Amino acid sequence: VDLRKSVDKSLAVDDTVTFRGVAFLDRAELFG
């Protein structure tokens, strides 16, 4: 919940987030 707030506040829609070596553009895939 807190991470979602940080991502929504800080990142643009087309920014990618890398988790454990995999880059995610889709936030739902990242959180899943």
PDB file of all heavy atoms in Angstrom:
ATOM      1  N   VAL A   1       0.844  -1.197   0.000  1.00  0.00           N
ATOM      2  CA  VAL A   1       0.000   0.000   0.000  1.00  0.00           C
ATOM      3  C   VAL A   1       0.880   1.248   0.000  1.00  0.00           C
ATOM      4  O   VAL A   1       0.673   2.182  -0.782  1.00  0.00           O
ATOM      5  CB  VAL A   1      -0.964   0.006   1.215  1.00  0.00           C
ATOM      6  CG1 VAL A   1      -1.622   1.356   1.390  1.00  0.00           C
ATOM      7  CG2 VAL A   1      -2.006  -1.088   1.060  1.00  0.00           C
ATOM      8  N   ASP A   2       1.898   1.264   0.860  1.00  0.00           N
ATOM      9  CA  ASP A   2       2.796   2.408   0.932  1.00  0.00           C
ATOM     10  C   ASP A   2       3.643   2.534  -0.331  1.00  0.00           C
ATOM     11  O   ASP A   2       3.845   3.644  -0.843  1.00  0.00           O
ATOM     12  CB  ASP A   2       3.688   2.302   2.171  1.00  0.00           C
ATOM     13  CG  ASP A   2       4.394   3.598   2.476  1.00  0.00           C
ATOM     14  OD1 ASP A   2       3.707   4.534   2.940  1.00  0.00           O
ATOM     15  OD2 ASP A   2       5.613   3.681   2.230  1.00  0.00           O
ATOM     16  N   LEU A   3       4.111   1.417  -0.861  1.00  0.00           N
ATOM     17  CA  LEU A   3       4.907   1.441  -2.091  1.00  0.00           C
ATOM     18  C   LEU A   3       4.073   1.958  -3.258  1.00  0.00           C
ATOM     19  O   LEU A   3       4.557   2.753  -4.069  1.00  0.00           O
ATOM     20  CB  LEU A   3       5.459   0.049  -2.392  1.00  0.00           C
ATOM     21  CG  LEU A   3       6.297  -0.104  -3.661  1.00  0.00           C
ATOM     22  CD1 LEU A   3       7.499   0.827  -3.631  1.00  0.00           C
ATOM     23  CD2 LEU A   3       6.738  -1.549  -3.834  1.00  0.00           C
ATOM     24  N   ARG A   4       2.811   1.544  -3.349  1.00  0.00           N
ATOM     25  CA  ARG A   4       1.924   2.043  -4.412  1.00  0.00           C
ATOM     26  C   ARG A   4       1.798   3.561  -4.338  1.00  0.00           C
ATOM     27  O   ARG A   4       1.835   4.250  -5.357  1.00  0.00           O
ATOM     28  CB  ARG A   4       0.535   1.419  -4.283  1.00  0.00           C
ATOM     29  CG  ARG A   4       0.361   0.164  -5.031  1.00  0.00           C
ATOM     30  CD  ARG A   4      -1.110  -0.256  -5.115  1.00  0.00           C
ATOM     31  NE  ARG A   4      -1.190  -1.588  -5.643  1.00  0.00           N
ATOM     32  CZ  ARG A   4      -1.286  -2.688  -4.906  1.00  0.00           C
ATOM     33  NH1 ARG A   4      -1.336  -2.621  -3.610  1.00  0.00           N
ATOM     34  NH2 ARG A   4      -1.332  -3.874  -5.491  1.00  0.00           N
ATOM     35  N   LYS A   5       1.637   4.084  -3.127  1.00  0.00           N
ATOM     36  CA  LYS A   5       1.536   5.539  -2.957  1.00  0.00           C
ATOM     37  C   LYS A   5       2.817   6.226  -3.428  1.00  0.00           C
ATOM     38  O   LYS A   5       2.757   7.247  -4.108  1.00  0.00           O
ATOM     39  CB  LYS A   5       1.271   5.888  -1.492  1.00  0.00           C
ATOM     40  CG  LYS A   5      -0.112   5.530  -1.022  1.00  0.00           C
ATOM     41  CD  LYS A   5      -0.278   5.844   0.454  1.00  0.00           C
ATOM     42  CE  LYS A   5      -1.594   5.350   0.988  1.00  0.00           C
ATOM     43  NZ  LYS A   5      -1.714   5.535   2.449  1.00  0.00           N
ATOM     44  N   SER A   6       3.960   5.668  -3.079  1.00  0.00           N
ATOM     45  CA  SER A   6       5.238   6.248  -3.491  1.00  0.00           C
ATOM     46  C   SER A   6       5.405   6.203  -5.010  1.00  0.00           C
ATOM     47  O   SER A   6       5.855   7.172  -5.619  1.00  0.00           O
ATOM     48  CB  SER A   6       6.407   5.500  -2.846  1.00  0.00           C
ATOM     49  OG  SER A   6       6.414   5.682  -1.468  1.00  0.00           O
ATOM     50  N   VAL A   7       5.048   5.081  -5.609  1.00  0.00           N
ATOM     51  CA  VAL A   7       5.159   4.933  -7.058  1.00  0.00           C
ATOM     52  C   VAL A   7       4.219   5.902  -7.763  1.00  0.00           C
ATOM     53  O   VAL A   7       4.612   6.601  -8.701  1.00  0.00           O
ATOM     54  CB  VAL A   7       4.879   3.471  -7.479  1.00  0.00           C
ATOM     55  CG1 VAL A   7       4.649   3.353  -8.973  1.00  0.00           C
ATOM     56  CG2 VAL A   7       6.022   2.569  -7.038  1.00  0.00           C
ATOM     57  N   ASP A   8       2.980   5.987  -7.308  1.00  0.00           N
ATOM     58  CA  ASP A   8       2.001   6.884  -7.938  1.00  0.00           C
ATOM     59  C   ASP A   8       2.410   8.349  -7.802  1.00  0.00           C
ATOM     60  O   ASP A   8       2.192   9.144  -8.713  1.00  0.00           O
ATOM     61  CB  ASP A   8       0.608   6.675  -7.340  1.00  0.00           C
ATOM     62  CG  ASP A   8       0.007   5.328  -7.724  1.00  0.00           C
ATOM     63  OD1 ASP A   8       0.503   4.699  -8.686  1.00  0.00           O
ATOM     64  OD2 ASP A   8      -0.959   4.911  -7.058  1.00  0.00           O
ATOM     65  N   LYS A   9       3.008   8.702  -6.678  1.00  0.00           N
ATOM     66  CA  LYS A   9       3.396  10.088  -6.424  1.00  0.00           C
ATOM     67  C   LYS A   9       4.671  10.475  -7.169  1.00  0.00           C
ATOM     68  O   LYS A   9       4.782  11.591  -7.667  1.00  0.00           O
ATOM     69  CB  LYS A   9       3.591  10.293  -4.917  1.00  0.00           C
ATOM     70  CG  LYS A   9       3.945  11.710  -4.505  1.00  0.00           C
ATOM     71  CD  LYS A   9       4.034  11.839  -3.015  1.00  0.00           C
ATOM     72  CE  LYS A   9       5.388  11.284  -2.573  1.00  0.00           C
ATOM     73  NZ  LYS A   9       5.695  11.508  -1.171  1.00  0.00           N
ATOM     74  N   SER A  10       5.615   9.567  -7.263  1.00  0.00           N
ATOM     75  CA  SER A  10       6.957   9.904  -7.735  1.00  0.00           C
ATOM     76  C   SER A  10       7.224   9.585  -9.198  1.00  0.00           C
ATOM     77  O   SER A  10       8.084  10.215  -9.817  1.00  0.00           O
ATOM     78  CB  SER A  10       8.006   9.177  -6.894  1.00  0.00           C
ATOM     79  OG  SER A  10       7.843   9.455  -5.535  1.00  0.00           O
ATOM     80  N   LEU A  11       6.536   8.604  -9.772  1.00  0.00           N
ATOM     81  CA  LEU A  11       6.872   8.120 -11.113  1.00  0.00           C
ATOM     82  C   LEU A  11       5.839   8.530 -12.141  1.00  0.00           C
ATOM     83  O   LEU A  11       4.654   8.620 -11.832  1.00  0.00           O
ATOM     84  CB  LEU A  11       6.984   6.589 -11.112  1.00  0.00           C
ATOM     85  CG  LEU A  11       8.276   5.981 -10.595  1.00  0.00           C
ATOM     86  CD1 LEU A  11       8.501   6.270  -9.138  1.00  0.00           C
ATOM     87  CD2 LEU A  11       8.290   4.503 -10.829  1.00  0.00           C
ATOM     88  N   ALA A  12       6.334   8.747 -13.359  1.00  0.00           N
ATOM     89  CA  ALA A  12       5.443   9.008 -14.487  1.00  0.00           C
ATOM     90  C   ALA A  12       4.880   7.682 -14.994  1.00  0.00           C
ATOM     91  O   ALA A  12       5.402   6.608 -14.677  1.00  0.00           O
ATOM     92  CB  ALA A  12       6.208   9.716 -15.605  1.00  0.00           C
ATOM     93  N   VAL A  13       3.849   7.750 -15.798  1.00  0.00           N
ATOM     94  CA  VAL A  13       3.173   6.557 -16.297  1.00  0.00           C
ATOM     95  C   VAL A  13       4.112   5.679 -17.128  1.00  0.00           C
ATOM     96  O   VAL A  13       4.027   4.453 -17.082  1.00  0.00           O
ATOM     97  CB  VAL A  13       1.929   6.952 -17.129  1.00  0.00           C
ATOM     98  CG1 VAL A  13       1.283   5.746 -17.777  1.00  0.00           C
ATOM     99  CG2 VAL A  13       0.935   7.694 -16.263  1.00  0.00           C
ATOM    100  N   ASP A  14       5.033   6.290 -17.864  1.00  0.00           N
ATOM    101  CA  ASP A  14       5.909   5.502 -18.733  1.00  0.00           C
ATOM    102  C   ASP A  14       7.258   5.154 -18.097  1.00  0.00           C
ATOM    103  O   ASP A  14       8.143   4.630 -18.772  1.00  0.00           O
ATOM    104  CB  ASP A  14       6.128   6.222 -20.064  1.00  0.00           C
ATOM    105  CG  ASP A  14       6.804   7.572 -19.902  1.00  0.00           C
ATOM    106  OD1 ASP A  14       6.855   8.085 -18.766  1.00  0.00           O
ATOM    107  OD2 ASP A  14       7.283   8.117 -20.902  1.00  0.00           O
ATOM    108  N   ASP A  15       7.421   5.382 -16.805  1.00  0.00           N
ATOM    109  CA  ASP A  15       8.641   4.986 -16.101  1.00  0.00           C
ATOM    110  C   ASP A  15       8.614   3.492 -15.802  1.00  0.00           C
ATOM    111  O   ASP A  15       7.559   2.926 -15.538  1.00  0.00           O
ATOM    112  CB  ASP A  15       8.792   5.748 -14.777  1.00  0.00           C
ATOM    113  CG  ASP A  15       9.105   7.215 -14.978  1.00  0.00           C
ATOM    114  OD1 ASP A  15       9.520   7.591 -16.093  1.00  0.00           O
ATOM    115  OD2 ASP A  15       8.938   7.989 -14.026  1.00  0.00           O
ATOM    116  N   THR A  16       9.786   2.868 -15.842  1.00  0.00           N
ATOM    117  CA  THR A  16       9.881   1.452 -15.508  1.00  0.00           C
ATOM    118  C   THR A  16      10.437   1.284 -14.099  1.00  0.00           C
ATOM    119  O   THR A  16      11.182   2.129 -13.607  1.00  0.00           O
ATOM    120  CB  THR A  16      10.798   0.690 -16.487  1.00  0.00           C
ATOM    121  OG1 THR A  16      12.109   1.234 -16.421  1.00  0.00           O
ATOM    122  CG2 THR A  16      10.261   0.752 -17.899  1.00  0.00           C
ATOM    123  N   VAL A  17      10.043   0.185 -13.466  1.00  0.00           N
ATOM    124  CA  VAL A  17      10.546  -0.165 -12.144  1.00  0.00           C
ATOM    125  C   VAL A  17      11.134  -1.569 -12.232  1.00  0.00           C
ATOM    126  O   VAL A  17      10.465  -2.497 -12.688  1.00  0.00           O
ATOM    127  CB  VAL A  17       9.432  -0.131 -11.072  1.00  0.00           C
ATOM    128  CG1 VAL A  17       9.989  -0.513  -9.709  1.00  0.00           C
ATOM    129  CG2 VAL A  17       8.774   1.240 -11.016  1.00  0.00           C
ATOM    130  N   THR A  18      12.384  -1.704 -11.799  1.00  0.00           N
ATOM    131  CA  THR A  18      13.059  -2.993 -11.827  1.00  0.00           C
ATOM    132  C   THR A  18      13.014  -3.623 -10.440  1.00  0.00           C
ATOM    133  O   THR A  18      13.361  -2.983  -9.454  1.00  0.00           O
ATOM    134  CB  THR A  18      14.525  -2.830 -12.276  1.00  0.00           C
ATOM    135  OG1 THR A  18      14.540  -2.251 -13.572  1.00  0.00           O
ATOM    136  CG2 THR A  18      15.241  -4.177 -12.308  1.00  0.00           C
ATOM    137  N   PHE A  19      12.550  -4.871 -10.401  1.00  0.00           N
ATOM    138  CA  PHE A  19      12.507  -5.646  -9.174  1.00  0.00           C
ATOM    139  C   PHE A  19      13.164  -6.983  -9.451  1.00  0.00           C
ATOM    140  O   PHE A  19      12.743  -7.708 -10.358  1.00  0.00           O
ATOM    141  CB  PHE A  19      11.063  -5.846  -8.700  1.00  0.00           C
ATOM    142  CG  PHE A  19      10.915  -6.750  -7.510  1.00  0.00           C
ATOM    143  CD1 PHE A  19      11.411  -6.376  -6.280  1.00  0.00           C
ATOM    144  CD2 PHE A  19      10.284  -7.976  -7.622  1.00  0.00           C
ATOM    145  CE1 PHE A  19      11.290  -7.213  -5.185  1.00  0.00           C
ATOM    146  CE2 PHE A  19      10.142  -8.812  -6.536  1.00  0.00           C
ATOM    147  CZ  PHE A  19      10.653  -8.421  -5.306  1.00  0.00           C
ATOM    148  N   ARG A  20      14.229  -7.279  -8.727  1.00  0.00           N
ATOM    149  CA  ARG A  20      14.988  -8.523  -8.875  1.00  0.00           C
ATOM    150  C   ARG A  20      15.407  -8.795 -10.321  1.00  0.00           C
ATOM    151  O   ARG A  20      15.261  -9.893 -10.847  1.00  0.00           O
ATOM    152  CB  ARG A  20      14.205  -9.698  -8.301  1.00  0.00           C
ATOM    153  CG  ARG A  20      14.037  -9.570  -6.800  1.00  0.00           C
ATOM    154  CD  ARG A  20      13.486 -10.817  -6.188  1.00  0.00           C
ATOM    155  NE  ARG A  20      13.468 -10.691  -4.730  1.00  0.00           N
ATOM    156  CZ  ARG A  20      12.871 -11.540  -3.935  1.00  0.00           C
ATOM    157  NH1 ARG A  20      12.246 -12.591  -4.431  1.00  0.00           N
ATOM    158  NH2 ARG A  20      12.905 -11.368  -2.627  1.00  0.00           N
ATOM    159  N   GLY A  21      15.904  -7.751 -10.970  1.00  0.00           N
ATOM    160  CA  GLY A  21      16.464  -7.890 -12.306  1.00  0.00           C
ATOM    161  C   GLY A  21      15.479  -7.857 -13.449  1.00  0.00           C
ATOM    162  O   GLY A  21      15.865  -7.967 -14.607  1.00  0.00           O
ATOM    163  N   VAL A  22      14.191  -7.684 -13.162  1.00  0.00           N
ATOM    164  CA  VAL A  22      13.168  -7.639 -14.210  1.00  0.00           C
ATOM    165  C   VAL A  22      12.533  -6.252 -14.203  1.00  0.00           C
ATOM    166  O   VAL A  22      12.064  -5.783 -13.168  1.00  0.00           O
ATOM    167  CB  VAL A  22      12.086  -8.717 -13.984  1.00  0.00           C
ATOM    168  CG1 VAL A  22      11.013  -8.633 -15.058  1.00  0.00           C
ATOM    169  CG2 VAL A  22      12.705 -10.094 -13.933  1.00  0.00           C
ATOM    170  N   ALA A  23      12.526  -5.599 -15.375  1.00  0.00           N
ATOM    171  CA  ALA A  23      11.930  -4.265 -15.497  1.00  0.00           C
ATOM    172  C   ALA A  23      10.438  -4.398 -15.793  1.00  0.00           C
ATOM    173  O   ALA A  23      10.030  -5.159 -16.665  1.00  0.00           O
ATOM    174  CB  ALA A  23      12.616  -3.482 -16.594  1.00  0.00           C
ATOM    175  N   PHE A  24       9.645  -3.630 -15.065  1.00  0.00           N
ATOM    176  CA  PHE A  24       8.188  -3.650 -15.229  1.00  0.00           C
ATOM    177  C   PHE A  24       7.697  -2.264 -15.626  1.00  0.00           C
ATOM    178  O   PHE A  24       8.016  -1.278 -14.964  1.00  0.00           O
ATOM    179  CB  PHE A  24       7.496  -4.049 -13.917  1.00  0.00           C
ATOM    180  CG  PHE A  24       7.783  -5.450 -13.481  1.00  0.00           C
ATOM    181  CD1 PHE A  24       8.860  -5.727 -12.654  1.00  0.00           C
ATOM    182  CD2 PHE A  24       6.980  -6.498 -13.903  1.00  0.00           C
ATOM    183  CE1 PHE A  24       9.132  -7.017 -12.242  1.00  0.00           C
ATOM    184  CE2 PHE A  24       7.246  -7.803 -13.498  1.00  0.00           C
ATOM    185  CZ  PHE A  24       8.321  -8.056 -12.667  1.00  0.00           C
ATOM    186  N   LEU A  25       6.931  -2.200 -16.701  1.00  0.00           N
ATOM    187  CA  LEU A  25       6.257  -0.966 -17.077  1.00  0.00           C
ATOM    188  C   LEU A  25       4.842  -0.983 -16.509  1.00  0.00           C
ATOM    189  O   LEU A  25       4.313   0.041 -16.094  1.00  0.00           O
ATOM    190  CB  LEU A  25       6.220  -0.822 -18.601  1.00  0.00           C
ATOM    191  CG  LEU A  25       5.619   0.463 -19.153  1.00  0.00           C
ATOM    192  CD1 LEU A  25       6.378   1.689 -18.636  1.00  0.00           C
ATOM    193  CD2 LEU A  25       5.627   0.454 -20.664  1.00  0.00           C
ATOM    194  N   ASP A  26       4.252  -2.174 -16.447  1.00  0.00           N
ATOM    195  CA  ASP A  26       2.899  -2.355 -15.923  1.00  0.00           C
ATOM    196  C   ASP A  26       2.963  -2.495 -14.400  1.00  0.00           C
ATOM    197  O   ASP A  26       3.583  -3.418 -13.879  1.00  0.00           O
ATOM    198  CB  ASP A  26       2.281  -3.603 -16.551  1.00  0.00           C
ATOM    199  CG  ASP A  26       0.837  -3.806 -16.149  1.00  0.00           C
ATOM    200  OD1 ASP A  26       0.552  -3.788 -14.932  1.00  0.00           O
ATOM    201  OD2 ASP A  26       0.000  -4.006 -17.034  1.00  0.00           O
ATOM    202  N   ARG A  27       2.327  -1.589 -13.699  1.00  0.00           N
ATOM    203  CA  ARG A  27       2.368  -1.594 -12.227  1.00  0.00           C
ATOM    204  C   ARG A  27       1.699  -2.829 -11.637  1.00  0.00           C
ATOM    205  O   ARG A  27       2.148  -3.371 -10.635  1.00  0.00           O
ATOM    206  CB  ARG A  27       1.694  -0.332 -11.658  1.00  0.00           C
ATOM    207  CG  ARG A  27       2.244   0.980 -12.154  1.00  0.00           C
ATOM    208  CD  ARG A  27       3.673   1.205 -11.708  1.00  0.00           C
ATOM    209  NE  ARG A  27       4.070   2.572 -11.948  1.00  0.00           N
ATOM    210  CZ  ARG A  27       4.853   2.966 -12.932  1.00  0.00           C
ATOM    211  NH1 ARG A  27       5.318   2.096 -13.782  1.00  0.00           N
ATOM    212  NH2 ARG A  27       5.186   4.231 -13.086  1.00  0.00           N
ATOM    213  N   ALA A  28       0.619  -3.296 -12.252  1.00  0.00           N
ATOM    214  CA  ALA A  28      -0.073  -4.489 -11.743  1.00  0.00           C
ATOM    215  C   ALA A  28       0.843  -5.710 -11.796  1.00  0.00           C
ATOM    216  O   ALA A  28       0.862  -6.517 -10.861  1.00  0.00           O
ATOM    217  CB  ALA A  28      -1.357  -4.737 -12.532  1.00  0.00           C
ATOM    218  N   GLU A  29       1.617  -5.830 -12.870  1.00  0.00           N
ATOM    219  CA  GLU A  29       2.560  -6.945 -12.973  1.00  0.00           C
ATOM    220  C   GLU A  29       3.646  -6.834 -11.907  1.00  0.00           C
ATOM    221  O   GLU A  29       4.039  -7.835 -11.311  1.00  0.00           O
ATOM    222  CB  GLU A  29       3.200  -6.982 -14.356  1.00  0.00           C
ATOM    223  CG  GLU A  29       2.269  -7.435 -15.444  1.00  0.00           C
ATOM    224  CD  GLU A  29       2.958  -7.461 -16.804  1.00  0.00           C
ATOM    225  OE1 GLU A  29       4.201  -7.528 -16.851  1.00  0.00           O
ATOM    226  OE2 GLU A  29       2.239  -7.423 -17.814  1.00  0.00           O
ATOM    227  N   LEU A  30       4.121  -5.620 -11.678  1.00  0.00           N
ATOM    228  CA  LEU A  30       5.147  -5.401 -10.651  1.00  0.00           C
ATOM    229  C   LEU A  30       4.646  -5.827  -9.286  1.00  0.00           C
ATOM    230  O   LEU A  30       5.297  -6.609  -8.590  1.00  0.00           O
ATOM    231  CB  LEU A  30       5.556  -3.923 -10.616  1.00  0.00           C
ATOM    232  CG  LEU A  30       6.413  -3.486  -9.426  1.00  0.00           C
ATOM    233  CD1 LEU A  30       7.788  -4.135  -9.474  1.00  0.00           C
ATOM    234  CD2 LEU A  30       6.525  -1.973  -9.369  1.00  0.00           C
ATOM    235  N   PHE A  31       3.480  -5.347  -8.898  1.00  0.00           N
ATOM    236  CA  PHE A  31       2.967  -5.668  -7.566  1.00  0.00           C
ATOM    237  C   PHE A  31       2.581  -7.137  -7.443  1.00  0.00           C
ATOM    238  O   PHE A  31       2.719  -7.731  -6.388  1.00  0.00           O
ATOM    239  CB  PHE A  31       1.806  -4.739  -7.201  1.00  0.00           C
ATOM    240  CG  PHE A  31       2.257  -3.319  -7.016  1.00  0.00           C
ATOM    241  CD1 PHE A  31       1.802  -2.312  -7.838  1.00  0.00           C
ATOM    242  CD2 PHE A  31       3.165  -2.984  -6.033  1.00  0.00           C
ATOM    243  CE1 PHE A  31       2.236  -1.011  -7.684  1.00  0.00           C
ATOM    244  CE2 PHE A  31       3.605  -1.683  -5.863  1.00  0.00           C
ATOM    245  CZ  PHE A  31       3.142  -0.695  -6.694  1.00  0.00           C
ATOM    246  N   GLY A  32       2.130  -7.751  -8.542  1.00  0.00           N
ATOM    247  CA  GLY A  32       1.851  -9.183  -8.526  1.00  0.00           C
ATOM    248  C   GLY A  32       3.117  -9.989  -8.318  1.00  0.00           C
ATOM    249  O   GLY A  32       3.133 -10.964  -7.555  1.00  0.00           O
TER     250      GLY A  32
END
